[in-house]
């Protein structure tokens, strides 16, 4: 069984996220989040919070990681693979990126890599 792909309305934010443009990714997902409900809302809210955590860490010097932990609450209610994203891996990658400058976690592998 092939995992589902990332929804088209989330792709631009995913590209920005992988490029380290976390505030812009947050903004790109905001409209999607406003229309979402249920698990989809938790999914997009979690992505937004991960982006906010990285932005606050590397653009504002925050060491609290509060947004990261809030993201885990939203993502923790979902399966490890949801919406075309390996959430367990993404959470681990973001945690690592919060502690090592220069890491750029991505929502999914580049096209054609699997």
PDB file of N, CA and C in Angstrom:
ATOM      1  N   UNK A   1       0.846  -1.186   0.000  1.00  0.00           N
ATOM      2  CA  UNK A   1       0.000   0.000   0.000  1.00  0.00           C
ATOM      3  C   UNK A   1       0.895   1.254   0.000  1.00  0.00           C
ATOM      4  N   UNK A   2       0.673   2.127  -0.923  1.00  0.00           N
ATOM      5  CA  UNK A   2       1.436   3.369  -1.028  1.00  0.00           C
ATOM      6  C   UNK A   2       0.780   4.434  -0.163  1.00  0.00           C
ATOM      7  N   UNK A   3       1.552   5.115   0.687  1.00  0.00           N
ATOM      8  CA  UNK A   3       0.971   6.181   1.503  1.00  0.00           C
ATOM      9  C   UNK A   3       0.417   7.296   0.626  1.00  0.00           C
ATOM     10  N   UNK A   4      -0.619   7.953   1.128  1.00  0.00           N
ATOM     11  CA  UNK A   4      -1.205   9.056   0.372  1.00  0.00           C
ATOM     12  C   UNK A   4      -0.201  10.188   0.219  1.00  0.00           C
ATOM     13  N   UNK A   5      -0.460  11.028  -0.741  1.00  0.00           N
ATOM     14  CA  UNK A   5       0.411  12.173  -0.998  1.00  0.00           C
ATOM     15  C   UNK A   5      -0.111  13.394  -0.249  1.00  0.00           C
ATOM     16  N   UNK A   6       0.755  14.350  -0.063  1.00  0.00           N
ATOM     17  CA  UNK A   6       0.388  15.608   0.563  1.00  0.00           C
ATOM     18  C   UNK A   6      -0.669  16.304  -0.284  1.00  0.00           C
ATOM     19  N   UNK A   7      -1.679  16.842   0.371  1.00  0.00           N
ATOM     20  CA  UNK A   7      -2.745  17.558  -0.345  1.00  0.00           C
ATOM     21  C   UNK A   7      -2.170  18.749  -1.097  1.00  0.00           C
ATOM     22  N   UNK A   8      -2.675  19.008  -2.296  1.00  0.00           N
ATOM     23  CA  UNK A   8      -2.150  20.122  -3.103  1.00  0.00           C
ATOM     24  C   UNK A   8      -2.192  21.478  -2.402  1.00  0.00           C
ATOM     25  N   UNK A   9      -3.195  21.715  -1.564  1.00  0.00           N
ATOM     26  CA  UNK A   9      -3.289  23.020  -0.900  1.00  0.00           C
ATOM     27  C   UNK A   9      -2.277  23.189   0.237  1.00  0.00           C
ATOM     28  N   UNK A  10      -1.511  22.130   0.524  1.00  0.00           N
ATOM     29  CA  UNK A  10      -0.473  22.220   1.549  1.00  0.00           C
ATOM     30  C   UNK A  10       0.940  22.227   0.966  1.00  0.00           C
ATOM     31  N   UNK A  11       1.049  21.999  -0.342  1.00  0.00           N
ATOM     32  CA  UNK A  11       2.359  21.848  -0.976  1.00  0.00           C
ATOM     33  C   UNK A  11       3.203  23.113  -0.879  1.00  0.00           C
ATOM     34  N   UNK A  12       2.632  24.266  -1.154  1.00  0.00           N
ATOM     35  CA  UNK A  12       3.431  25.507  -1.107  1.00  0.00           C
ATOM     36  C   UNK A  12       4.012  25.720   0.289  1.00  0.00           C
ATOM     37  N   UNK A  13       3.207  25.517   1.306  1.00  0.00           N
ATOM     38  CA  UNK A  13       3.704  25.642   2.672  1.00  0.00           C
ATOM     39  C   UNK A  13       4.799  24.631   2.968  1.00  0.00           C
ATOM     40  N   UNK A  14       4.648  23.417   2.435  1.00  0.00           N
ATOM     41  CA  UNK A  14       5.661  22.377   2.639  1.00  0.00           C
ATOM     42  C   UNK A  14       6.985  22.772   1.992  1.00  0.00           C
ATOM     43  N   UNK A  15       6.919  23.374   0.821  1.00  0.00           N
ATOM     44  CA  UNK A  15       8.136  23.838   0.145  1.00  0.00           C
ATOM     45  C   UNK A  15       8.829  24.929   0.958  1.00  0.00           C
ATOM     46  N   UNK A  16       8.046  25.864   1.467  1.00  0.00           N
ATOM     47  CA  UNK A  16       8.596  26.945   2.282  1.00  0.00           C
ATOM     48  C   UNK A  16       9.200  26.393   3.572  1.00  0.00           C
ATOM     49  N   UNK A  17       8.513  25.441   4.185  1.00  0.00           N
ATOM     50  CA  UNK A  17       8.980  24.813   5.418  1.00  0.00           C
ATOM     51  C   UNK A  17      10.339  24.157   5.203  1.00  0.00           C
ATOM     52  N   UNK A  18      10.455  23.375   4.144  1.00  0.00           N
ATOM     53  CA  UNK A  18      11.708  22.666   3.841  1.00  0.00           C
ATOM     54  C   UNK A  18      12.849  23.634   3.527  1.00  0.00           C
ATOM     55  N   UNK A  19      12.510  24.830   3.041  1.00  0.00           N
ATOM     56  CA  UNK A  19      13.517  25.839   2.717  1.00  0.00           C
ATOM     57  C   UNK A  19      13.908  26.683   3.933  1.00  0.00           C
ATOM     58  N   UNK A  20      13.294  26.392   5.085  1.00  0.00           N
ATOM     59  CA  UNK A  20      13.586  27.167   6.282  1.00  0.00           C
ATOM     60  C   UNK A  20      12.843  28.482   6.355  1.00  0.00           C
ATOM     61  N   UNK A  21      11.837  28.629   5.520  1.00  0.00           N
ATOM     62  CA  UNK A  21      10.985  29.832   5.522  1.00  0.00           C
ATOM     63  C   UNK A  21       9.750  29.523   6.364  1.00  0.00           C
ATOM     64  N   UNK A  22       9.964  29.370   7.686  1.00  0.00           N
ATOM     65  CA  UNK A  22       8.923  28.847   8.559  1.00  0.00           C
ATOM     66  C   UNK A  22       7.763  29.805   8.764  1.00  0.00           C
ATOM     67  N   UNK A  23       8.029  31.087   8.862  1.00  0.00           N
ATOM     68  CA  UNK A  23       6.922  32.036   9.021  1.00  0.00           C
ATOM     69  C   UNK A  23       6.044  32.028   7.768  1.00  0.00           C
ATOM     70  N   UNK A  24       6.680  31.987   6.615  1.00  0.00           N
ATOM     71  CA  UNK A  24       5.941  31.971   5.359  1.00  0.00           C
ATOM     72  C   UNK A  24       5.135  30.673   5.212  1.00  0.00           C
ATOM     73  N   UNK A  25       5.697  29.555   5.665  1.00  0.00           N
ATOM     74  CA  UNK A  25       4.957  28.283   5.639  1.00  0.00           C
ATOM     75  C   UNK A  25       3.723  28.389   6.524  1.00  0.00           C
ATOM     76  N   UNK A  26       3.905  28.931   7.709  1.00  0.00           N
ATOM     77  CA  UNK A  26       2.796  29.157   8.644  1.00  0.00           C
ATOM     78  C   UNK A  26       1.690  29.952   7.956  1.00  0.00           C
ATOM     79  N   UNK A  27       2.082  31.020   7.291  1.00  0.00           N
ATOM     80  CA  UNK A  27       1.108  31.869   6.597  1.00  0.00           C
ATOM     81  C   UNK A  27       0.419  31.119   5.451  1.00  0.00           C
ATOM     82  N   UNK A  28       1.172  30.303   4.723  1.00  0.00           N
ATOM     83  CA  UNK A  28       0.604  29.556   3.598  1.00  0.00           C
ATOM     84  C   UNK A  28      -0.441  28.551   4.072  1.00  0.00           C
ATOM     85  N   UNK A  29      -0.270  28.020   5.267  1.00  0.00           N
ATOM     86  CA  UNK A  29      -1.210  27.017   5.791  1.00  0.00           C
ATOM     87  C   UNK A  29      -2.384  27.626   6.545  1.00  0.00           C
ATOM     88  N   UNK A  30      -2.316  28.893   6.876  1.00  0.00           N
ATOM     89  CA  UNK A  30      -3.342  29.529   7.699  1.00  0.00           C
ATOM     90  C   UNK A  30      -4.740  29.428   7.077  1.00  0.00           C
ATOM     91  N   UNK A  31      -4.854  29.706   5.785  1.00  0.00           N
ATOM     92  CA  UNK A  31      -6.159  29.636   5.124  1.00  0.00           C
ATOM     93  C   UNK A  31      -6.721  28.226   5.095  1.00  0.00           C
ATOM     94  N   UNK A  32      -5.864  27.248   4.914  1.00  0.00           N
ATOM     95  CA  UNK A  32      -6.281  25.841   4.920  1.00  0.00           C
ATOM     96  C   UNK A  32      -6.803  25.482   6.312  1.00  0.00           C
ATOM     97  N   UNK A  33      -6.077  25.896   7.333  1.00  0.00           N
ATOM     98  CA  UNK A  33      -6.464  25.610   8.715  1.00  0.00           C
ATOM     99  C   UNK A  33      -7.827  26.216   9.048  1.00  0.00           C
ATOM    100  N   UNK A  34      -8.077  27.434   8.576  1.00  0.00           N
ATOM    101  CA  UNK A  34      -9.329  28.120   8.888  1.00  0.00           C
ATOM    102  C   UNK A  34     -10.541  27.378   8.338  1.00  0.00           C
ATOM    103  N   UNK A  35     -10.364  26.637   7.259  1.00  0.00           N
ATOM    104  CA  UNK A  35     -11.474  25.900   6.635  1.00  0.00           C
ATOM    105  C   UNK A  35     -11.573  24.453   7.124  1.00  0.00           C
ATOM    106  N   UNK A  36     -10.565  23.984   7.820  1.00  0.00           N
ATOM    107  CA  UNK A  36     -10.488  22.571   8.202  1.00  0.00           C
ATOM    108  C   UNK A  36     -11.313  22.280   9.450  1.00  0.00           C
ATOM    109  N   UNK A  37     -11.647  20.997   9.608  1.00  0.00           N
ATOM    110  CA  UNK A  37     -12.381  20.535  10.788  1.00  0.00           C
ATOM    111  C   UNK A  37     -11.850  19.161  11.183  1.00  0.00           C
ATOM    112  N   UNK A  38     -12.087  18.793  12.420  1.00  0.00           N
ATOM    113  CA  UNK A  38     -11.729  17.460  12.897  1.00  0.00           C
ATOM    114  C   UNK A  38     -10.246  17.168  12.801  1.00  0.00           C
ATOM    115  N   UNK A  39      -9.935  15.950  12.338  1.00  0.00           N
ATOM    116  CA  UNK A  39      -8.534  15.530  12.231  1.00  0.00           C
ATOM    117  C   UNK A  39      -7.738  16.431  11.303  1.00  0.00           C
ATOM    118  N   UNK A  40      -8.371  16.897  10.227  1.00  0.00           N
ATOM    119  CA  UNK A  40      -7.661  17.788   9.296  1.00  0.00           C
ATOM    120  C   UNK A  40      -7.240  19.075   9.992  1.00  0.00           C
ATOM    121  N   UNK A  41      -8.091  19.587  10.850  1.00  0.00           N
ATOM    122  CA  UNK A  41      -7.754  20.816  11.580  1.00  0.00           C
ATOM    123  C   UNK A  41      -6.584  20.561  12.532  1.00  0.00           C
ATOM    124  N   UNK A  42      -6.613  19.425  13.232  1.00  0.00           N
ATOM    125  CA  UNK A  42      -5.489  19.083  14.116  1.00  0.00           C
ATOM    126  C   UNK A  42      -4.192  18.938  13.321  1.00  0.00           C
ATOM    127  N   UNK A  43      -4.283  18.304  12.158  1.00  0.00           N
ATOM    128  CA  UNK A  43      -3.121  18.093  11.299  1.00  0.00           C
ATOM    129  C   UNK A  43      -2.496  19.422  10.887  1.00  0.00           C
ATOM    130  N   UNK A  44      -3.294  20.308  10.325  1.00  0.00           N
ATOM    131  CA  UNK A  44      -2.765  21.588   9.844  1.00  0.00           C
ATOM    132  C   UNK A  44      -2.320  22.460  11.016  1.00  0.00           C
ATOM    133  N   UNK A  45      -3.069  22.435  12.124  1.00  0.00           N
ATOM    134  CA  UNK A  45      -2.657  23.204  13.306  1.00  0.00           C
ATOM    135  C   UNK A  45      -1.297  22.720  13.809  1.00  0.00           C
ATOM    136  N   UNK A  46      -1.095  21.409  13.807  1.00  0.00           N
ATOM    137  CA  UNK A  46       0.197  20.865  14.220  1.00  0.00           C
ATOM    138  C   UNK A  46       1.328  21.330  13.321  1.00  0.00           C
ATOM    139  N   UNK A  47       1.087  21.336  12.007  1.00  0.00           N
ATOM    140  CA  UNK A  47       2.108  21.805  11.069  1.00  0.00           C
ATOM    141  C   UNK A  47       2.440  23.273  11.313  1.00  0.00           C
ATOM    142  N   UNK A  48       1.408  24.074  11.514  1.00  0.00           N
ATOM    143  CA  UNK A  48       1.605  25.507  11.775  1.00  0.00           C
ATOM    144  C   UNK A  48       2.427  25.706  13.048  1.00  0.00           C
ATOM    145  N   UNK A  49       2.121  24.942  14.072  1.00  0.00           N
ATOM    146  CA  UNK A  49       2.849  25.080  15.330  1.00  0.00           C
ATOM    147  C   UNK A  49       4.308  24.628  15.210  1.00  0.00           C
ATOM    148  N   UNK A  50       4.556  23.600  14.413  1.00  0.00           N
ATOM    149  CA  UNK A  50       5.950  23.190  14.182  1.00  0.00           C
ATOM    150  C   UNK A  50       6.717  24.299  13.478  1.00  0.00           C
ATOM    151  N   UNK A  51       6.078  24.904  12.481  1.00  0.00           N
ATOM    152  CA  UNK A  51       6.720  26.015  11.771  1.00  0.00           C
ATOM    153  C   UNK A  51       6.976  27.183  12.724  1.00  0.00           C
ATOM    154  N   UNK A  52       6.000  27.466  13.579  1.00  0.00           N
ATOM    155  CA  UNK A  52       6.161  28.562  14.536  1.00  0.00           C
ATOM    156  C   UNK A  52       7.291  28.271  15.526  1.00  0.00           C
ATOM    157  N   UNK A  53       7.403  27.023  15.945  1.00  0.00           N
ATOM    158  CA  UNK A  53       8.471  26.649  16.877  1.00  0.00           C
ATOM    159  C   UNK A  53       9.836  26.901  16.258  1.00  0.00           C
ATOM    160  N   UNK A  54      10.007  26.486  15.023  1.00  0.00           N
ATOM    161  CA  UNK A  54      11.291  26.685  14.344  1.00  0.00           C
ATOM    162  C   UNK A  54      11.561  28.170  14.103  1.00  0.00           C
ATOM    163  N   UNK A  55      10.540  28.898  13.710  1.00  0.00           N
ATOM    164  CA  UNK A  55      10.704  30.335  13.483  1.00  0.00           C
ATOM    165  C   UNK A  55      11.126  31.044  14.768  1.00  0.00           C
ATOM    166  N   UNK A  56      10.425  30.743  15.861  1.00  0.00           N
ATOM    167  CA  UNK A  56      10.756  31.399  17.127  1.00  0.00           C
ATOM    168  C   UNK A  56      12.153  31.021  17.598  1.00  0.00           C
ATOM    169  N   UNK A  57      12.558  29.784  17.361  1.00  0.00           N
ATOM    170  CA  UNK A  57      13.887  29.349  17.796  1.00  0.00           C
ATOM    171  C   UNK A  57      14.990  30.069  17.036  1.00  0.00           C
ATOM    172  N   UNK A  58      14.885  30.078  15.718  1.00  0.00           N
ATOM    173  CA  UNK A  58      16.012  30.554  14.917  1.00  0.00           C
ATOM    174  C   UNK A  58      15.900  32.017  14.483  1.00  0.00           C
ATOM    175  N   UNK A  59      14.733  32.624  14.649  1.00  0.00           N
ATOM    176  CA  UNK A  59      14.614  34.046  14.307  1.00  0.00           C
ATOM    177  C   UNK A  59      14.456  34.926  15.544  1.00  0.00           C
ATOM    178  N   UNK A  60      14.067  34.314  16.657  1.00  0.00           N
ATOM    179  CA  UNK A  60      13.872  35.098  17.885  1.00  0.00           C
ATOM    180  C   UNK A  60      14.675  34.561  19.062  1.00  0.00           C
ATOM    181  N   UNK A  61      15.376  33.452  18.875  1.00  0.00           N
ATOM    182  CA  UNK A  61      16.231  32.926  19.929  1.00  0.00           C
ATOM    183  C   UNK A  61      15.516  32.214  21.063  1.00  0.00           C
ATOM    184  N   UNK A  62      14.252  31.894  20.889  1.00  0.00           N
ATOM    185  CA  UNK A  62      13.482  31.233  21.942  1.00  0.00           C
ATOM    186  C   UNK A  62      14.012  29.830  22.206  1.00  0.00           C
ATOM    187  N   UNK A  63      14.150  29.500  23.475  1.00  0.00           N
ATOM    188  CA  UNK A  63      14.584  28.157  23.862  1.00  0.00           C
ATOM    189  C   UNK A  63      13.468  27.359  24.524  1.00  0.00           C
ATOM    190  N   UNK A  64      12.262  27.911  24.606  1.00  0.00           N
ATOM    191  CA  UNK A  64      11.186  27.258  25.358  1.00  0.00           C
ATOM    192  C   UNK A  64      10.561  26.074  24.628  1.00  0.00           C
ATOM    193  N   UNK A  65      10.510  26.095  23.333  1.00  0.00           N
ATOM    194  CA  UNK A  65       9.917  25.025  22.513  1.00  0.00           C
ATOM    195  C   UNK A  65       8.444  24.776  22.845  1.00  0.00           C
ATOM    196  N   UNK A  66       7.773  25.772  23.379  1.00  0.00           N
ATOM    197  CA  UNK A  66       6.359  25.637  23.748  1.00  0.00           C
ATOM    198  C   UNK A  66       5.480  25.275  22.549  1.00  0.00           C
ATOM    199  N   UNK A  67       5.729  25.909  21.407  1.00  0.00           N
ATOM    200  CA  UNK A  67       4.918  25.603  20.227  1.00  0.00           C
ATOM    201  C   UNK A  67       5.149  24.174  19.743  1.00  0.00           C
ATOM    202  N   UNK A  68       6.368  23.679  19.899  1.00  0.00           N
ATOM    203  CA  UNK A  68       6.643  22.292  19.524  1.00  0.00           C
ATOM    204  C   UNK A  68       5.777  21.338  20.351  1.00  0.00           C
ATOM    205  N   UNK A  69       5.733  21.562  21.642  1.00  0.00           N
ATOM    206  CA  UNK A  69       4.960  20.683  22.518  1.00  0.00           C
ATOM    207  C   UNK A  69       3.459  20.815  22.256  1.00  0.00           C
ATOM    208  N   UNK A  70       3.005  22.014  21.926  1.00  0.00           N
ATOM    209  CA  UNK A  70       1.593  22.185  21.555  1.00  0.00           C
ATOM    210  C   UNK A  70       1.299  21.447  20.251  1.00  0.00           C
ATOM    211  N   UNK A  71       2.237  21.457  19.324  1.00  0.00           N
ATOM    212  CA  UNK A  71       2.054  20.734  18.058  1.00  0.00           C
ATOM    213  C   UNK A  71       1.884  19.244  18.310  1.00  0.00           C
ATOM    214  N   UNK A  72       2.669  18.699  19.244  1.00  0.00           N
ATOM    215  CA  UNK A  72       2.585  17.269  19.540  1.00  0.00           C
ATOM    216  C   UNK A  72       1.214  16.878  20.071  1.00  0.00           C
ATOM    217  N   UNK A  73       0.557  17.774  20.777  1.00  0.00           N
ATOM    218  CA  UNK A  73      -0.800  17.494  21.256  1.00  0.00           C
ATOM    219  C   UNK A  73      -1.732  17.304  20.064  1.00  0.00           C
ATOM    220  N   UNK A  74      -1.630  18.191  19.081  1.00  0.00           N
ATOM    221  CA  UNK A  74      -2.485  18.085  17.890  1.00  0.00           C
ATOM    222  C   UNK A  74      -2.120  16.867  17.048  1.00  0.00           C
ATOM    223  N   UNK A  75      -0.851  16.652  16.822  1.00  0.00           N
ATOM    224  CA  UNK A  75      -0.407  15.555  15.960  1.00  0.00           C
ATOM    225  C   UNK A  75      -0.490  14.205  16.655  1.00  0.00           C
ATOM    226  N   UNK A  76      -0.409  14.209  17.974  1.00  0.00           N
ATOM    227  CA  UNK A  76      -0.443  12.964  18.732  1.00  0.00           C
ATOM    228  C   UNK A  76      -1.761  12.224  18.650  1.00  0.00           C
ATOM    229  N   UNK A  77      -2.819  12.917  18.297  1.00  0.00           N
ATOM    230  CA  UNK A  77      -4.131  12.283  18.156  1.00  0.00           C
ATOM    231  C   UNK A  77      -4.295  11.604  16.799  1.00  0.00           C
ATOM    232  N   UNK A  78      -3.314  11.759  15.933  1.00  0.00           N
ATOM    233  CA  UNK A  78      -3.380  11.226  14.569  1.00  0.00           C
ATOM    234  C   UNK A  78      -2.462  10.019  14.439  1.00  0.00           C
ATOM    235  N   UNK A  79      -2.688   9.200  13.406  1.00  0.00           N
ATOM    236  CA  UNK A  79      -1.743   8.103  13.154  1.00  0.00           C
ATOM    237  C   UNK A  79      -0.359   8.654  12.808  1.00  0.00           C
ATOM    238  N   UNK A  80       0.668   7.817  12.940  1.00  0.00           N
ATOM    239  CA  UNK A  80       2.031   8.268  12.632  1.00  0.00           C
ATOM    240  C   UNK A  80       2.172   8.762  11.201  1.00  0.00           C
ATOM    241  N   UNK A  81       1.398   8.203  10.280  1.00  0.00           N
ATOM    242  CA  UNK A  81       1.396   8.655   8.888  1.00  0.00           C
ATOM    243  C   UNK A  81       0.012   9.218   8.612  1.00  0.00           C
ATOM    244  N   UNK A  82      -0.046  10.511   8.320  1.00  0.00           N
ATOM    245  CA  UNK A  82      -1.346  11.155   8.097  1.00  0.00           C
ATOM    246  C   UNK A  82      -1.189  12.252   7.058  1.00  0.00           C
ATOM    247  N   UNK A  83      -2.131  12.335   6.149  1.00  0.00           N
ATOM    248  CA  UNK A  83      -2.167  13.419   5.184  1.00  0.00           C
ATOM    249  C   UNK A  83      -0.976  13.494   4.248  1.00  0.00           C
ATOM    250  N   UNK A  84      -0.316  12.362   4.040  1.00  0.00           N
ATOM    251  CA  UNK A  84       0.855  12.350   3.177  1.00  0.00           C
ATOM    252  C   UNK A  84       2.146  12.690   3.898  1.00  0.00           C
ATOM    253  N   UNK A  85       2.093  12.731   5.233  1.00  0.00           N
ATOM    254  CA  UNK A  85       3.261  13.123   6.021  1.00  0.00           C
ATOM    255  C   UNK A  85       3.548  12.050   7.075  1.00  0.00           C
ATOM    256  N   UNK A  86       4.800  11.688   7.197  1.00  0.00           N
ATOM    257  CA  UNK A  86       5.250  10.799   8.270  1.00  0.00           C
ATOM    258  C   UNK A  86       5.402  11.680   9.509  1.00  0.00           C
ATOM    259  N   UNK A  87       4.352  11.743  10.319  1.00  0.00           N
ATOM    260  CA  UNK A  87       4.329  12.663  11.456  1.00  0.00           C
ATOM    261  C   UNK A  87       5.351  12.309  12.532  1.00  0.00           C
ATOM    262  N   UNK A  88       5.575  11.018  12.732  1.00  0.00           N
ATOM    263  CA  UNK A  88       6.569  10.617  13.737  1.00  0.00           C
ATOM    264  C   UNK A  88       7.964  11.097  13.321  1.00  0.00           C
ATOM    265  N   UNK A  89       8.289  10.889  12.074  1.00  0.00           N
ATOM    266  CA  UNK A  89       9.600  11.332  11.567  1.00  0.00           C
ATOM    267  C   UNK A  89       9.713  12.850  11.569  1.00  0.00           C
ATOM    268  N   UNK A  90       8.647  13.517  11.125  1.00  0.00           N
ATOM    269  CA  UNK A  90       8.670  14.982  11.099  1.00  0.00           C
ATOM    270  C   UNK A  90       8.872  15.541  12.503  1.00  0.00           C
ATOM    271  N   UNK A  91       8.172  14.987  13.480  1.00  0.00           N
ATOM    272  CA  UNK A  91       8.320  15.458  14.861  1.00  0.00           C
ATOM    273  C   UNK A  91       9.756  15.283  15.343  1.00  0.00           C
ATOM    274  N   UNK A  92      10.353  14.149  15.047  1.00  0.00           N
ATOM    275  CA  UNK A  92      11.747  13.898  15.432  1.00  0.00           C
ATOM    276  C   UNK A  92      12.698  14.859  14.715  1.00  0.00           C
ATOM    277  N   UNK A  93      12.448  15.061  13.432  1.00  0.00           N
ATOM    278  CA  UNK A  93      13.314  15.947  12.648  1.00  0.00           C
ATOM    279  C   UNK A  93      13.218  17.396  13.127  1.00  0.00           C
ATOM    280  N   UNK A  94      12.010  17.830  13.477  1.00  0.00           N
ATOM    281  CA  UNK A  94      11.849  19.198  13.985  1.00  0.00           C
ATOM    282  C   UNK A  94      12.542  19.332  15.337  1.00  0.00           C
ATOM    283  N   UNK A  95      12.403  18.320  16.191  1.00  0.00           N
ATOM    284  CA  UNK A  95      13.082  18.371  17.495  1.00  0.00           C
ATOM    285  C   UNK A  95      14.591  18.529  17.294  1.00  0.00           C
ATOM    286  N   UNK A  96      15.150  17.756  16.371  1.00  0.00           N
ATOM    287  CA  UNK A  96      16.583  17.865  16.085  1.00  0.00           C
ATOM    288  C   UNK A  96      16.916  19.264  15.560  1.00  0.00           C
ATOM    289  N   UNK A  97      16.071  19.803  14.692  1.00  0.00           N
ATOM    290  CA  UNK A  97      16.318  21.120  14.109  1.00  0.00           C
ATOM    291  C   UNK A  97      16.194  22.237  15.141  1.00  0.00           C
ATOM    292  N   UNK A  98      15.430  22.012  16.182  1.00  0.00           N
ATOM    293  CA  UNK A  98      15.340  23.002  17.255  1.00  0.00           C
ATOM    294  C   UNK A  98      16.630  23.082  18.062  1.00  0.00           C
ATOM    295  N   UNK A  99      17.454  22.047  17.943  1.00  0.00           N
ATOM    296  CA  UNK A  99      18.678  21.974  18.730  1.00  0.00           C
ATOM    297  C   UNK A  99      19.960  22.110  17.905  1.00  0.00           C
ATOM    298  N   UNK A 100      19.818  22.090  16.596  1.00  0.00           N
ATOM    299  CA  UNK A 100      21.007  22.211  15.740  1.00  0.00           C
ATOM    300  C   UNK A 100      20.702  23.163  14.591  1.00  0.00           C
ATOM    301  N   UNK A 101      21.300  24.301  14.639  1.00  0.00           N
ATOM    302  CA  UNK A 101      21.085  25.310  13.605  1.00  0.00           C
ATOM    303  C   UNK A 101      21.470  24.766  12.235  1.00  0.00           C
ATOM    304  N   UNK A 102      20.680  25.124  11.243  1.00  0.00           N
ATOM    305  CA  UNK A 102      20.980  24.737   9.867  1.00  0.00           C
ATOM    306  C   UNK A 102      20.216  23.526   9.372  1.00  0.00           C
ATOM    307  N   UNK A 103      19.625  22.747  10.275  1.00  0.00           N
ATOM    308  CA  UNK A 103      18.824  21.604   9.824  1.00  0.00           C
ATOM    309  C   UNK A 103      17.515  22.112   9.233  1.00  0.00           C
ATOM    310  N   UNK A 104      17.080  21.475   8.173  1.00  0.00           N
ATOM    311  CA  UNK A 104      15.839  21.867   7.494  1.00  0.00           C
ATOM    312  C   UNK A 104      14.931  20.645   7.344  1.00  0.00           C
ATOM    313  N   UNK A 105      14.085  20.394   8.351  1.00  0.00           N
ATOM    314  CA  UNK A 105      13.170  19.254   8.226  1.00  0.00           C
ATOM    315  C   UNK A 105      12.199  19.475   7.078  1.00  0.00           C
ATOM    316  N   UNK A 106      11.703  18.384   6.519  1.00  0.00           N
ATOM    317  CA  UNK A 106      10.750  18.453   5.417  1.00  0.00           C
ATOM    318  C   UNK A 106       9.547  17.578   5.743  1.00  0.00           C
ATOM    319  N   UNK A 107       8.396  17.949   5.190  1.00  0.00           N
ATOM    320  CA  UNK A 107       7.192  17.179   5.436  1.00  0.00           C
ATOM    321  C   UNK A 107       7.223  15.826   4.759  1.00  0.00           C
ATOM    322  N   UNK A 108       7.904  15.739   3.644  1.00  0.00           N
ATOM    323  CA  UNK A 108       7.967  14.465   2.928  1.00  0.00           C
ATOM    324  C   UNK A 108       9.250  14.426   2.102  1.00  0.00           C
ATOM    325  N   UNK A 109       9.543  13.253   1.608  1.00  0.00           N
ATOM    326  CA  UNK A 109      10.709  13.108   0.744  1.00  0.00           C
ATOM    327  C   UNK A 109      10.451  13.818  -0.578  1.00  0.00           C
ATOM    328  N   UNK A 110      11.480  14.292  -1.241  1.00  0.00           N
ATOM    329  CA  UNK A 110      11.298  14.914  -2.544  1.00  0.00           C
ATOM    330  C   UNK A 110      10.652  13.960  -3.533  1.00  0.00           C
ATOM    331  N   UNK A 111       9.892  14.460  -4.492  1.00  0.00           N
ATOM    332  CA  UNK A 111       9.280  13.596  -5.496  1.00  0.00           C
ATOM    333  C   UNK A 111      10.320  12.723  -6.174  1.00  0.00           C
ATOM    334  N   UNK A 112       9.966  11.457  -6.375  1.00  0.00           N
ATOM    335  CA  UNK A 112      10.836  10.525  -7.077  1.00  0.00           C
ATOM    336  C   UNK A 112      11.885   9.863  -6.210  1.00  0.00           C
ATOM    337  N   UNK A 113      11.888  10.198  -4.894  1.00  0.00           N
ATOM    338  CA  UNK A 113      12.922   9.627  -4.024  1.00  0.00           C
ATOM    339  C   UNK A 113      12.548   8.266  -3.482  1.00  0.00           C
ATOM    340  N   UNK A 114      11.286   7.865  -3.618  1.00  0.00           N
ATOM    341  CA  UNK A 114      10.882   6.548  -3.128  1.00  0.00           C
ATOM    342  C   UNK A 114      10.386   5.683  -4.246  1.00  0.00           C
TER     343      UNK A 114
END
